[in-house]
Amino acid sequence: MEFCFGALSDSLEIQANSQGYTLGEHKEFQEIADSLLLCYENKIITDKEYNKALERLHKKIIKKVKKI
């Protein structure tokens, strides 16, 4: 399962749906991804920290998604 986390990417739910999955009740993942991007763009976290955080978020998303 693959997700794009960029500013111009579709929402995580749309991306999950296009792959045959849903985030269900776990809508907070989008807020977390948006917050990480905001921190990265404003130089609050480094590139390395951002990528590591996205890896962790991706793992959490994979554990919670459900097949449609």
C-alpha atoms as a PDB file:
ATOM      1  CA  MET A   1       0.000   0.000   0.000  1.00  0.00           C
ATOM      2  CA  GLU A   2       1.398   3.336  -1.032  1.00  0.00           C
ATOM      3  CA  PHE A   3       0.594   6.898   0.050  1.00  0.00           C
ATOM      4  CA  CYS A   4       1.787  10.312  -1.099  1.00  0.00           C
ATOM      5  CA  PHE A   5       2.079  12.858   1.702  1.00  0.00           C
ATOM      6  CA  GLY A   6       2.814  16.023  -0.276  1.00  0.00           C
ATOM      7  CA  ALA A   7       0.881  19.284  -0.121  1.00  0.00           C
ATOM      8  CA  LEU A   8      -0.782  18.672  -3.493  1.00  0.00           C
ATOM      9  CA  SER A   9      -1.588  15.002  -2.869  1.00  0.00           C
ATOM     10  CA  ASP A  10      -5.120  13.689  -2.569  1.00  0.00           C
ATOM     11  CA  SER A  11      -6.378  13.032   0.947  1.00  0.00           C
ATOM     12  CA  LEU A  12      -5.239   9.803   2.568  1.00  0.00           C
ATOM     13  CA  GLU A  13      -8.825   8.486   2.469  1.00  0.00           C
ATOM     14  CA  ILE A  14      -9.061   9.064  -1.296  1.00  0.00           C
ATOM     15  CA  GLN A  15      -5.697   7.397  -1.805  1.00  0.00           C
ATOM     16  CA  ALA A  16      -6.743   4.430   0.357  1.00  0.00           C
ATOM     17  CA  ASN A  17     -10.075   4.148  -1.491  1.00  0.00           C
ATOM     18  CA  SER A  18      -8.309   4.071  -4.853  1.00  0.00           C
ATOM     19  CA  GLN A  19      -6.369   1.049  -3.582  1.00  0.00           C
ATOM     20  CA  GLY A  20      -9.468  -0.736  -2.288  1.00  0.00           C
ATOM     21  CA  TYR A  21      -9.161   0.261   1.379  1.00  0.00           C
ATOM     22  CA  THR A  22     -10.635   2.750   3.834  1.00  0.00           C
ATOM     23  CA  LEU A  23      -9.263   4.526   6.888  1.00  0.00           C
ATOM     24  CA  GLY A  24     -12.640   4.089   8.561  1.00  0.00           C
ATOM     25  CA  GLU A  25     -12.777   6.000  11.833  1.00  0.00           C
ATOM     26  CA  HIS A  26      -9.076   6.877  11.739  1.00  0.00           C
ATOM     27  CA  LYS A  27      -9.375  10.319  10.151  1.00  0.00           C
ATOM     28  CA  GLU A  28      -6.690  11.690  12.479  1.00  0.00           C
ATOM     29  CA  PHE A  29      -4.020  10.317  10.139  1.00  0.00           C
ATOM     30  CA  GLN A  30      -4.735  13.141   7.672  1.00  0.00           C
ATOM     31  CA  GLU A  31      -4.363  15.738  10.426  1.00  0.00           C
ATOM     32  CA  ILE A  32      -1.070  14.186  11.520  1.00  0.00           C
ATOM     33  CA  ALA A  33       0.259  14.152   7.944  1.00  0.00           C
ATOM     34  CA  ASP A  34      -0.778  17.789   7.453  1.00  0.00           C
ATOM     35  CA  SER A  35       0.852  18.783  10.751  1.00  0.00           C
ATOM     36  CA  LEU A  36       4.106  17.061   9.844  1.00  0.00           C
ATOM     37  CA  LEU A  37       4.177  18.839   6.489  1.00  0.00           C
ATOM     38  CA  LEU A  38       3.538  22.185   8.171  1.00  0.00           C
ATOM     39  CA  CYS A  39       6.390  21.588  10.625  1.00  0.00           C
ATOM     40  CA  TYR A  40       8.713  20.542   7.811  1.00  0.00           C
ATOM     41  CA  GLU A  41       7.846  23.487   5.553  1.00  0.00           C
ATOM     42  CA  ASN A  42       8.436  25.920   8.418  1.00  0.00           C
ATOM     43  CA  LYS A  43      11.820  24.356   9.250  1.00  0.00           C
ATOM     44  CA  ILE A  44      10.679  23.117  12.658  1.00  0.00           C
ATOM     45  CA  ILE A  45      11.794  19.590  11.804  1.00  0.00           C
ATOM     46  CA  THR A  46      14.586  18.491   9.486  1.00  0.00           C
ATOM     47  CA  ASP A  47      14.238  16.491   6.290  1.00  0.00           C
ATOM     48  CA  LYS A  48      15.473  13.394   8.112  1.00  0.00           C
ATOM     49  CA  GLU A  49      13.007  13.873  10.981  1.00  0.00           C
ATOM     50  CA  TYR A  50      10.157  14.428   8.523  1.00  0.00           C
ATOM     51  CA  ASN A  51      10.932  11.271   6.573  1.00  0.00           C
ATOM     52  CA  LYS A  52      11.279   9.192   9.749  1.00  0.00           C
ATOM     53  CA  ALA A  53       7.954  10.516  11.053  1.00  0.00           C
ATOM     54  CA  LEU A  54       6.264   9.705   7.730  1.00  0.00           C
ATOM     55  CA  GLU A  55       7.631   6.158   7.891  1.00  0.00           C
ATOM     56  CA  ARG A  56       6.129   5.748  11.363  1.00  0.00           C
ATOM     57  CA  LEU A  57       2.825   7.229  10.239  1.00  0.00           C
ATOM     58  CA  HIS A  58       2.737   4.941   7.211  1.00  0.00           C
ATOM     59  CA  LYS A  59       3.206   1.884   9.443  1.00  0.00           C
ATOM     60  CA  LYS A  60       0.339   3.005  11.686  1.00  0.00           C
ATOM     61  CA  ILE A  61      -1.910   3.601   8.695  1.00  0.00           C
ATOM     62  CA  ILE A  62      -1.156   0.140   7.273  1.00  0.00           C
ATOM     63  CA  LYS A  63      -2.150  -1.454  10.598  1.00  0.00           C
ATOM     64  CA  LYS A  64      -5.501   0.390  10.721  1.00  0.00           C
ATOM     65  CA  VAL A  65      -6.798   0.380   7.135  1.00  0.00           C
ATOM     66  CA  LYS A  66      -9.635  -1.946   6.245  1.00  0.00           C
ATOM     67  CA  LYS A  67     -10.465  -3.610   2.948  1.00  0.00           C
ATOM     68  CA  ILE A  68     -13.555  -2.122   1.276  1.00  0.00           C
END
